[in-house]
N, C-alpha and C. Protein backbone atom coordinates (compact mmCIF):
# COMPACT_ATOMS: atom_id res chain seq x y z
N MET A 1 34.93 7.83 134.20
CA MET A 1 36.17 8.51 133.94
C MET A 1 36.15 9.13 132.54
N TYR A 2 35.53 8.46 131.55
CA TYR A 2 35.52 8.97 130.18
C TYR A 2 34.86 10.34 130.12
N ARG A 3 33.73 10.52 130.81
CA ARG A 3 33.05 11.82 130.79
C ARG A 3 33.93 12.90 131.41
N GLU A 4 34.65 12.57 132.48
CA GLU A 4 35.56 13.53 133.12
C GLU A 4 36.66 13.94 132.14
N ILE A 5 37.21 12.98 131.43
CA ILE A 5 38.30 13.25 130.49
C ILE A 5 37.80 14.09 129.32
N LYS A 6 36.68 13.68 128.72
CA LYS A 6 36.20 14.42 127.55
C LYS A 6 35.80 15.84 127.90
N GLY A 7 35.39 16.08 129.15
CA GLY A 7 34.99 17.41 129.58
C GLY A 7 36.09 18.44 129.40
N LYS A 8 37.32 18.05 129.58
CA LYS A 8 38.41 19.02 129.45
C LYS A 8 38.73 19.33 127.99
N PHE A 9 38.14 18.61 127.05
CA PHE A 9 38.42 18.83 125.63
C PHE A 9 37.23 19.43 124.90
N GLY A 10 36.24 19.85 125.61
CA GLY A 10 35.10 20.48 124.95
C GLY A 10 34.02 19.48 124.63
N ARG A 11 32.95 19.97 124.09
CA ARG A 11 31.78 19.15 123.81
C ARG A 11 32.01 18.24 122.62
N LEU A 12 31.63 16.99 122.76
CA LEU A 12 31.70 16.05 121.64
C LEU A 12 30.46 16.23 120.78
N ASN A 13 30.50 15.67 119.61
CA ASN A 13 29.37 15.73 118.69
C ASN A 13 28.10 15.26 119.40
N ASP A 14 27.03 16.04 119.33
CA ASP A 14 25.79 15.71 120.03
C ASP A 14 24.89 14.76 119.24
N LYS A 15 25.31 14.35 118.06
CA LYS A 15 24.46 13.50 117.24
C LYS A 15 24.61 12.04 117.65
N VAL A 16 24.30 11.73 118.90
CA VAL A 16 24.42 10.35 119.37
C VAL A 16 23.19 9.56 118.95
N MET A 17 23.37 8.26 118.83
CA MET A 17 22.24 7.41 118.46
C MET A 17 21.22 7.40 119.58
N GLN A 18 19.97 7.50 119.22
CA GLN A 18 18.91 7.45 120.20
C GLN A 18 17.93 6.37 119.79
N LYS A 19 17.56 5.55 120.74
CA LYS A 19 16.63 4.47 120.46
C LYS A 19 15.29 5.06 120.01
N GLY A 20 14.72 4.49 118.96
CA GLY A 20 13.45 4.96 118.45
C GLY A 20 13.58 6.09 117.44
N LYS A 21 14.77 6.60 117.24
CA LYS A 21 15.00 7.65 116.26
C LYS A 21 16.03 7.14 115.27
N THR A 22 16.23 7.87 114.19
CA THR A 22 17.21 7.45 113.20
C THR A 22 18.59 7.37 113.84
N ASN A 23 19.35 6.41 113.42
CA ASN A 23 20.71 6.27 113.95
C ASN A 23 21.76 6.68 112.92
N ILE A 24 21.31 7.31 111.85
CA ILE A 24 22.24 7.77 110.83
C ILE A 24 22.89 9.06 111.29
N GLN A 25 24.22 9.11 111.18
CA GLN A 25 24.95 10.30 111.59
C GLN A 25 25.71 10.86 110.40
N ILE A 26 25.65 12.13 110.21
CA ILE A 26 26.45 12.82 109.20
C ILE A 26 27.45 13.67 109.97
N ILE A 27 28.73 13.40 109.77
CA ILE A 27 29.79 14.10 110.50
C ILE A 27 30.51 15.03 109.52
N ALA A 28 30.48 16.31 109.79
CA ALA A 28 31.16 17.29 108.94
C ALA A 28 32.68 17.19 109.14
N PRO A 29 33.45 17.60 108.13
CA PRO A 29 34.91 17.53 108.25
C PRO A 29 35.49 18.36 109.38
N THR A 30 34.73 19.30 109.89
CA THR A 30 35.21 20.15 110.98
C THR A 30 34.74 19.66 112.35
N GLU A 31 33.91 18.62 112.39
CA GLU A 31 33.37 18.14 113.66
C GLU A 31 34.31 17.13 114.32
N GLY A 32 34.23 17.09 115.62
CA GLY A 32 35.02 16.16 116.41
C GLY A 32 36.24 16.83 117.00
N PRO A 33 36.52 16.55 118.25
CA PRO A 33 37.69 17.16 118.89
C PRO A 33 38.98 16.73 118.21
N ARG A 34 39.92 17.65 118.14
CA ARG A 34 41.26 17.36 117.61
C ARG A 34 42.23 17.35 118.77
N LEU A 35 43.07 16.32 118.79
CA LEU A 35 44.03 16.16 119.87
C LEU A 35 45.43 15.97 119.33
N GLY A 36 46.38 16.61 119.97
CA GLY A 36 47.78 16.34 119.69
C GLY A 36 48.17 15.15 120.55
N VAL A 37 48.48 14.02 119.92
CA VAL A 37 48.81 12.79 120.63
C VAL A 37 50.18 12.31 120.15
N ALA A 38 51.15 12.29 121.04
CA ALA A 38 52.50 11.79 120.72
C ALA A 38 53.08 12.45 119.47
N GLY A 39 52.84 13.75 119.31
CA GLY A 39 53.39 14.49 118.17
C GLY A 39 52.54 14.43 116.92
N ASN A 40 51.43 13.68 116.95
CA ASN A 40 50.53 13.55 115.81
C ASN A 40 49.30 14.42 116.05
N ASN A 41 48.41 14.52 115.05
CA ASN A 41 47.19 15.29 115.14
C ASN A 41 46.03 14.36 114.82
N TYR A 42 45.21 14.04 115.84
CA TYR A 42 44.11 13.09 115.67
C TYR A 42 42.78 13.82 115.84
N ARG A 43 41.87 13.58 114.88
CA ARG A 43 40.50 14.09 115.01
C ARG A 43 39.60 12.93 115.37
N MET A 44 38.86 13.07 116.45
CA MET A 44 37.92 12.04 116.87
C MET A 44 36.65 12.20 116.03
N ILE A 45 36.53 11.40 114.98
CA ILE A 45 35.38 11.52 114.08
C ILE A 45 34.13 10.96 114.76
N VAL A 46 34.24 9.75 115.27
CA VAL A 46 33.14 9.08 115.95
C VAL A 46 33.72 8.40 117.19
N THR A 47 33.10 8.63 118.33
CA THR A 47 33.56 8.02 119.57
C THR A 47 32.60 6.91 120.01
N GLY A 48 33.05 6.12 120.95
CA GLY A 48 32.21 5.05 121.48
C GLY A 48 30.92 5.57 122.08
N GLU A 49 30.95 6.78 122.59
CA GLU A 49 29.74 7.38 123.14
C GLU A 49 28.66 7.52 122.07
N GLN A 50 29.08 7.71 120.82
CA GLN A 50 28.14 7.89 119.72
C GLN A 50 27.71 6.56 119.10
N THR A 51 28.37 5.46 119.44
CA THR A 51 28.08 4.17 118.79
C THR A 51 27.72 3.08 119.80
N ASP A 52 27.32 3.48 120.99
CA ASP A 52 27.03 2.53 122.07
C ASP A 52 28.22 1.61 122.32
N GLY A 53 29.42 2.13 122.11
CA GLY A 53 30.64 1.38 122.40
C GLY A 53 31.05 0.37 121.35
N THR A 54 30.35 0.31 120.22
CA THR A 54 30.68 -0.71 119.22
C THR A 54 31.95 -0.42 118.45
N TYR A 55 32.20 0.86 118.13
CA TYR A 55 33.42 1.21 117.41
C TYR A 55 33.70 2.69 117.60
N SER A 56 34.90 3.10 117.23
CA SER A 56 35.25 4.51 117.15
C SER A 56 36.13 4.69 115.92
N CYS A 57 36.20 5.93 115.44
CA CYS A 57 36.92 6.20 114.19
C CYS A 57 37.67 7.52 114.31
N PHE A 58 38.93 7.53 113.81
CA PHE A 58 39.80 8.69 113.94
C PHE A 58 40.45 9.04 112.61
N ASP A 59 40.65 10.32 112.39
CA ASP A 59 41.43 10.84 111.27
C ASP A 59 42.79 11.17 111.85
N MET A 60 43.82 10.45 111.44
CA MET A 60 45.15 10.59 112.02
C MET A 60 46.07 11.29 111.03
N LEU A 61 46.54 12.49 111.37
CA LEU A 61 47.52 13.20 110.57
C LEU A 61 48.87 12.98 111.25
N VAL A 62 49.78 12.34 110.52
CA VAL A 62 51.05 11.90 111.10
C VAL A 62 52.19 12.61 110.35
N PRO A 63 52.96 13.45 111.06
CA PRO A 63 54.04 14.17 110.41
C PRO A 63 55.25 13.27 110.17
N PRO A 64 56.20 13.70 109.35
CA PRO A 64 57.43 12.91 109.20
C PRO A 64 58.04 12.60 110.56
N GLY A 65 58.39 11.33 110.76
CA GLY A 65 58.94 10.88 112.02
C GLY A 65 57.90 10.49 113.05
N GLY A 66 56.62 10.76 112.77
CA GLY A 66 55.55 10.49 113.73
C GLY A 66 55.04 9.06 113.67
N GLY A 67 54.29 8.71 114.69
CA GLY A 67 53.68 7.39 114.79
C GLY A 67 53.73 6.92 116.24
N PRO A 68 52.89 5.95 116.58
CA PRO A 68 52.82 5.48 117.97
C PRO A 68 53.95 4.50 118.31
N ALA A 69 54.19 4.35 119.59
CA ALA A 69 55.14 3.34 120.09
C ALA A 69 54.55 1.95 119.83
N PRO A 70 55.39 0.93 119.76
CA PRO A 70 54.86 -0.43 119.62
C PRO A 70 53.88 -0.73 120.77
N HIS A 71 52.79 -1.37 120.41
CA HIS A 71 51.77 -1.69 121.40
C HIS A 71 50.94 -2.88 120.92
N ALA A 72 50.19 -3.45 121.83
CA ALA A 72 49.27 -4.53 121.51
C ALA A 72 48.01 -4.32 122.33
N HIS A 73 46.87 -4.70 121.76
CA HIS A 73 45.60 -4.62 122.49
C HIS A 73 44.76 -5.82 122.07
N ALA A 74 44.84 -6.86 122.90
CA ALA A 74 44.22 -8.14 122.60
C ALA A 74 42.70 -8.08 122.52
N LYS A 75 42.09 -7.14 123.21
CA LYS A 75 40.63 -7.10 123.30
C LYS A 75 39.97 -6.22 122.24
N MET A 76 40.74 -5.70 121.30
CA MET A 76 40.13 -4.90 120.24
C MET A 76 40.84 -5.16 118.93
N GLN A 77 40.15 -4.87 117.86
CA GLN A 77 40.77 -4.93 116.55
C GLN A 77 40.83 -3.53 115.97
N GLU A 78 41.79 -3.34 115.07
CA GLU A 78 42.07 -2.01 114.55
C GLU A 78 42.19 -2.10 113.03
N PHE A 79 41.63 -1.11 112.34
CA PHE A 79 41.67 -1.05 110.88
C PHE A 79 42.27 0.28 110.47
N PHE A 80 43.23 0.28 109.55
CA PHE A 80 43.85 1.50 109.06
C PHE A 80 43.71 1.57 107.55
N TYR A 81 43.27 2.71 107.05
CA TYR A 81 43.24 2.98 105.62
C TYR A 81 44.12 4.20 105.40
N VAL A 82 45.12 4.09 104.52
CA VAL A 82 46.02 5.21 104.26
C VAL A 82 45.37 6.11 103.20
N VAL A 83 45.01 7.30 103.62
CA VAL A 83 44.33 8.26 102.75
C VAL A 83 45.34 9.07 101.94
N GLU A 84 46.45 9.46 102.58
CA GLU A 84 47.50 10.25 101.92
C GLU A 84 48.85 9.80 102.45
N GLY A 85 49.86 9.89 101.60
CA GLY A 85 51.23 9.60 102.03
C GLY A 85 51.49 8.11 102.20
N GLU A 86 52.46 7.82 103.07
CA GLU A 86 52.79 6.43 103.34
C GLU A 86 53.38 6.31 104.74
N VAL A 87 53.23 5.12 105.32
CA VAL A 87 53.80 4.82 106.62
C VAL A 87 54.43 3.43 106.56
N VAL A 88 55.35 3.19 107.47
CA VAL A 88 55.94 1.86 107.60
C VAL A 88 55.24 1.19 108.78
N PHE A 89 54.52 0.10 108.51
CA PHE A 89 53.89 -0.68 109.57
C PHE A 89 54.86 -1.76 110.00
N LYS A 90 55.04 -1.87 111.31
CA LYS A 90 55.94 -2.87 111.88
C LYS A 90 55.16 -3.82 112.76
N THR A 91 55.48 -5.11 112.63
CA THR A 91 54.93 -6.14 113.50
C THR A 91 56.09 -7.06 113.88
N GLU A 92 55.82 -8.05 114.69
CA GLU A 92 56.86 -9.01 115.04
C GLU A 92 57.27 -9.86 113.84
N ALA A 93 56.43 -9.87 112.80
CA ALA A 93 56.74 -10.64 111.59
C ALA A 93 57.58 -9.84 110.59
N GLY A 94 57.75 -8.54 110.81
CA GLY A 94 58.52 -7.72 109.88
C GLY A 94 57.88 -6.36 109.67
N LYS A 95 58.26 -5.72 108.57
CA LYS A 95 57.70 -4.39 108.29
C LYS A 95 57.29 -4.29 106.83
N SER A 96 56.33 -3.39 106.59
CA SER A 96 55.82 -3.15 105.24
C SER A 96 55.56 -1.67 105.06
N ILE A 97 55.87 -1.18 103.86
CA ILE A 97 55.51 0.20 103.52
C ILE A 97 54.08 0.15 102.98
N VAL A 98 53.21 0.96 103.58
CA VAL A 98 51.81 1.01 103.17
C VAL A 98 51.52 2.43 102.69
N GLY A 99 51.19 2.55 101.42
CA GLY A 99 50.94 3.85 100.81
C GLY A 99 49.48 4.13 100.59
N LYS A 100 49.22 5.26 99.94
CA LYS A 100 47.86 5.72 99.66
C LYS A 100 47.02 4.59 99.09
N GLY A 101 45.85 4.39 99.71
CA GLY A 101 44.94 3.32 99.28
C GLY A 101 45.22 1.99 99.96
N GLY A 102 46.31 1.88 100.70
CA GLY A 102 46.63 0.64 101.40
C GLY A 102 45.79 0.49 102.66
N PHE A 103 45.65 -0.75 103.09
CA PHE A 103 44.78 -1.07 104.23
C PHE A 103 45.50 -2.06 105.13
N VAL A 104 45.37 -1.86 106.43
CA VAL A 104 45.97 -2.77 107.42
C VAL A 104 44.89 -3.15 108.42
N HIS A 105 44.78 -4.45 108.71
CA HIS A 105 43.84 -4.93 109.72
C HIS A 105 44.64 -5.61 110.82
N ILE A 106 44.49 -5.12 112.05
CA ILE A 106 45.08 -5.74 113.23
C ILE A 106 43.93 -6.45 113.94
N PRO A 107 43.85 -7.80 113.86
CA PRO A 107 42.71 -8.51 114.45
C PRO A 107 42.81 -8.58 115.98
N TYR A 108 41.75 -9.07 116.60
CA TYR A 108 41.81 -9.35 118.03
C TYR A 108 43.03 -10.23 118.27
N ASN A 109 43.72 -10.03 119.38
CA ASN A 109 44.94 -10.78 119.69
C ASN A 109 45.96 -10.66 118.55
N GLY A 110 45.97 -9.51 117.87
CA GLY A 110 46.79 -9.33 116.69
C GLY A 110 48.26 -9.14 116.92
N GLY A 111 48.69 -9.06 118.13
CA GLY A 111 50.11 -8.95 118.41
C GLY A 111 50.60 -7.52 118.44
N VAL A 112 51.90 -7.39 118.66
CA VAL A 112 52.54 -6.09 118.79
C VAL A 112 52.64 -5.43 117.41
N HIS A 113 52.32 -4.16 117.34
CA HIS A 113 52.38 -3.43 116.09
C HIS A 113 52.67 -1.95 116.35
N ALA A 114 53.12 -1.29 115.31
CA ALA A 114 53.40 0.16 115.35
C ALA A 114 53.46 0.63 113.91
N PHE A 115 53.39 1.93 113.72
CA PHE A 115 53.66 2.49 112.40
C PHE A 115 54.44 3.77 112.59
N LYS A 116 55.17 4.13 111.53
CA LYS A 116 55.96 5.35 111.57
C LYS A 116 55.96 5.97 110.18
N ASN A 117 55.87 7.28 110.15
CA ASN A 117 55.97 8.00 108.89
C ASN A 117 57.46 8.27 108.66
N GLU A 118 58.07 7.50 107.78
CA GLU A 118 59.49 7.66 107.47
C GLU A 118 59.72 8.50 106.22
N SER A 119 58.67 9.11 105.71
CA SER A 119 58.78 9.95 104.51
C SER A 119 59.03 11.40 104.91
N THR A 120 59.06 12.27 103.92
CA THR A 120 59.26 13.70 104.17
C THR A 120 57.96 14.49 104.11
N GLU A 121 56.84 13.80 103.87
CA GLU A 121 55.53 14.43 103.78
C GLU A 121 54.61 13.89 104.88
N ASN A 122 53.58 14.66 105.23
CA ASN A 122 52.59 14.17 106.19
C ASN A 122 51.88 12.96 105.61
N ALA A 123 51.46 12.07 106.48
CA ALA A 123 50.61 10.94 106.10
C ALA A 123 49.28 11.11 106.82
N ARG A 124 48.21 10.65 106.18
CA ARG A 124 46.88 10.70 106.80
C ARG A 124 46.29 9.30 106.75
N LEU A 125 45.84 8.84 107.93
CA LEU A 125 45.24 7.52 108.04
C LEU A 125 43.85 7.65 108.64
N LEU A 126 42.95 6.81 108.18
CA LEU A 126 41.64 6.67 108.80
C LEU A 126 41.73 5.40 109.63
N CYS A 127 41.50 5.52 110.91
CA CYS A 127 41.64 4.39 111.83
C CYS A 127 40.29 4.10 112.49
N THR A 128 39.86 2.85 112.44
CA THR A 128 38.65 2.41 113.11
C THR A 128 39.03 1.32 114.10
N VAL A 129 38.49 1.39 115.31
CA VAL A 129 38.73 0.36 116.32
C VAL A 129 37.41 -0.21 116.80
N MET A 130 37.44 -1.52 117.04
CA MET A 130 36.26 -2.23 117.54
C MET A 130 36.70 -3.15 118.66
N PRO A 131 36.03 -3.11 119.80
CA PRO A 131 35.04 -2.12 120.20
C PRO A 131 35.71 -0.78 120.46
N ALA A 132 34.89 0.21 120.73
CA ALA A 132 35.41 1.55 121.03
C ALA A 132 36.19 1.50 122.35
N GLY A 133 36.94 2.54 122.59
CA GLY A 133 37.66 2.66 123.85
C GLY A 133 39.03 3.27 123.70
N LEU A 134 39.65 3.08 122.54
CA LEU A 134 40.99 3.61 122.34
C LEU A 134 41.01 5.14 122.43
N GLU A 135 39.88 5.76 122.11
CA GLU A 135 39.82 7.22 122.20
C GLU A 135 40.06 7.70 123.62
N ALA A 136 39.72 6.91 124.62
CA ALA A 136 39.98 7.30 126.01
C ALA A 136 41.47 7.49 126.25
N VAL A 137 42.31 6.64 125.61
CA VAL A 137 43.76 6.79 125.71
C VAL A 137 44.19 8.13 125.11
N PHE A 138 43.59 8.49 123.97
CA PHE A 138 43.94 9.74 123.31
C PHE A 138 43.52 10.94 124.16
N PHE A 139 42.35 10.85 124.80
CA PHE A 139 41.89 11.94 125.65
C PHE A 139 42.79 12.10 126.88
N VAL A 140 43.34 11.01 127.39
CA VAL A 140 44.23 11.07 128.56
C VAL A 140 45.59 11.64 128.18
N THR A 141 46.14 11.21 127.05
CA THR A 141 47.51 11.58 126.69
C THR A 141 47.58 12.80 125.77
N GLY A 142 46.47 13.20 125.18
CA GLY A 142 46.49 14.28 124.20
C GLY A 142 46.17 15.65 124.76
N SER A 143 46.38 16.64 123.93
CA SER A 143 46.05 18.03 124.23
C SER A 143 45.29 18.61 123.04
N PRO A 144 44.33 19.49 123.29
CA PRO A 144 43.59 20.09 122.18
C PRO A 144 44.52 20.81 121.20
N VAL A 145 44.26 20.63 119.89
CA VAL A 145 45.04 21.27 118.84
C VAL A 145 44.10 21.74 117.74
N ASP A 146 44.62 22.60 116.89
CA ASP A 146 43.91 23.03 115.69
C ASP A 146 44.23 22.07 114.55
N ALA A 147 43.45 22.12 113.49
CA ALA A 147 43.70 21.29 112.31
C ALA A 147 45.11 21.57 111.81
N GLY A 148 45.88 20.50 111.58
CA GLY A 148 47.23 20.64 111.04
C GLY A 148 48.28 21.07 112.04
N GLN A 149 47.91 21.29 113.29
CA GLN A 149 48.88 21.72 114.31
C GLN A 149 49.53 20.50 114.94
N PHE A 150 50.84 20.55 115.08
CA PHE A 150 51.58 19.47 115.72
C PHE A 150 52.29 20.01 116.96
N LEU A 151 52.01 19.39 118.09
CA LEU A 151 52.64 19.79 119.34
C LEU A 151 53.86 18.93 119.60
N PRO A 152 54.88 19.48 120.26
CA PRO A 152 56.01 18.62 120.63
C PRO A 152 55.54 17.56 121.63
N VAL A 153 56.21 16.43 121.62
CA VAL A 153 55.86 15.36 122.55
C VAL A 153 56.27 15.79 123.95
N ALA A 154 55.28 15.86 124.84
CA ALA A 154 55.54 16.28 126.22
C ALA A 154 55.60 15.05 127.13
N PRO A 155 56.42 15.10 128.16
CA PRO A 155 56.44 13.98 129.10
C PRO A 155 55.08 13.86 129.80
N MET A 156 54.67 12.62 130.10
CA MET A 156 53.40 12.40 130.76
C MET A 156 53.50 12.73 132.24
N THR A 157 52.41 13.28 132.75
CA THR A 157 52.34 13.57 134.18
C THR A 157 52.09 12.26 134.93
N THR A 158 52.29 12.28 136.23
CA THR A 158 52.01 11.09 137.05
C THR A 158 50.55 10.69 136.92
N ARG A 159 49.66 11.68 136.92
CA ARG A 159 48.22 11.40 136.79
C ARG A 159 47.92 10.72 135.44
N GLN A 160 48.51 11.23 134.35
CA GLN A 160 48.31 10.63 133.04
C GLN A 160 48.82 9.19 133.04
N GLN A 161 49.98 8.95 133.63
CA GLN A 161 50.54 7.60 133.69
C GLN A 161 49.60 6.65 134.44
N GLN A 162 49.03 7.12 135.54
CA GLN A 162 48.10 6.29 136.31
C GLN A 162 46.83 6.00 135.52
N GLN A 163 46.29 7.03 134.85
CA GLN A 163 45.09 6.84 134.03
C GLN A 163 45.37 5.89 132.88
N LEU A 164 46.52 6.05 132.24
CA LEU A 164 46.90 5.19 131.11
C LEU A 164 47.06 3.74 131.57
N LYS A 165 47.65 3.55 132.72
CA LYS A 165 47.81 2.19 133.27
C LYS A 165 46.45 1.55 133.51
N ARG A 166 45.52 2.31 134.11
CA ARG A 166 44.17 1.81 134.38
C ARG A 166 43.45 1.46 133.08
N LEU A 167 43.54 2.36 132.09
CA LEU A 167 42.90 2.10 130.80
C LEU A 167 43.52 0.87 130.12
N GLY A 168 44.85 0.77 130.18
CA GLY A 168 45.53 -0.38 129.59
C GLY A 168 45.06 -1.69 130.19
N GLU A 169 44.87 -1.71 131.49
CA GLU A 169 44.38 -2.92 132.16
C GLU A 169 42.95 -3.24 131.70
N GLN A 170 42.10 -2.22 131.60
CA GLN A 170 40.72 -2.42 131.17
C GLN A 170 40.64 -2.93 129.73
N MET A 171 41.49 -2.37 128.85
CA MET A 171 41.43 -2.69 127.43
C MET A 171 42.36 -3.82 127.02
N GLY A 172 43.18 -4.30 127.92
CA GLY A 172 44.15 -5.32 127.55
C GLY A 172 45.24 -4.77 126.66
N GLN A 173 45.59 -3.50 126.86
CA GLN A 173 46.61 -2.87 126.03
C GLN A 173 47.95 -2.85 126.75
N THR A 174 49.00 -3.15 126.00
CA THR A 174 50.36 -3.11 126.53
C THR A 174 51.19 -2.24 125.61
N ILE A 175 51.98 -1.34 126.20
CA ILE A 175 52.90 -0.47 125.45
C ILE A 175 54.30 -1.05 125.61
N TYR A 176 55.05 -1.08 124.51
CA TYR A 176 56.41 -1.63 124.50
C TYR A 176 57.42 -0.51 124.25
N PRO A 177 58.69 -0.75 124.56
CA PRO A 177 59.73 0.26 124.27
C PRO A 177 59.76 0.61 122.78
N SER A 178 60.16 1.83 122.46
CA SER A 178 60.14 2.31 121.08
C SER A 178 60.97 1.46 120.12
N ASP A 179 62.00 0.78 120.62
CA ASP A 179 62.85 -0.05 119.74
C ASP A 179 62.45 -1.52 119.73
N TYR A 180 61.32 -1.86 120.32
CA TYR A 180 60.90 -3.26 120.47
C TYR A 180 60.80 -4.00 119.13
N LEU A 181 60.35 -3.35 118.08
CA LEU A 181 60.17 -4.01 116.78
C LEU A 181 61.32 -3.76 115.80
N ASP A 182 62.40 -3.17 116.25
CA ASP A 182 63.54 -2.89 115.36
C ASP A 182 64.40 -4.14 115.16
């Protein structure tokens, strides 16, 4: 299914690791598909296809008011580094403002979490997930965008909902109502 999904978004970086050859990858700032996901702009820097499924990494540009719905994914861990701006991270334990240079680690079985840009400026986060797989959710729910372009949040099609449900079951991901952590 991943190959079918990525096909509609163009060619991914061809610098995949090959056994017997160097596994060092240099990724240019313009490489990697950009997707409009839930009103945000995500660049897929490194996908699981390039890392034998060990991790994936995304450049997340989040406009004021942007951020994902509360969710949990017991089978993966997530790391966020705030490159620019600030976001409010919410968990069941409370919320914290995380600004430039701040770091958040969501461990395996890390519980429900979300973030939101409550400022008036864009925020940029570097997100790494282990193991890879979260990018499949972005490919299902996202649409191709240009750098800095923000698309309005569109309702999901029935096909997208079915694909998202299947991926959620595979990854152990659960999506919660937007007010779940309020």
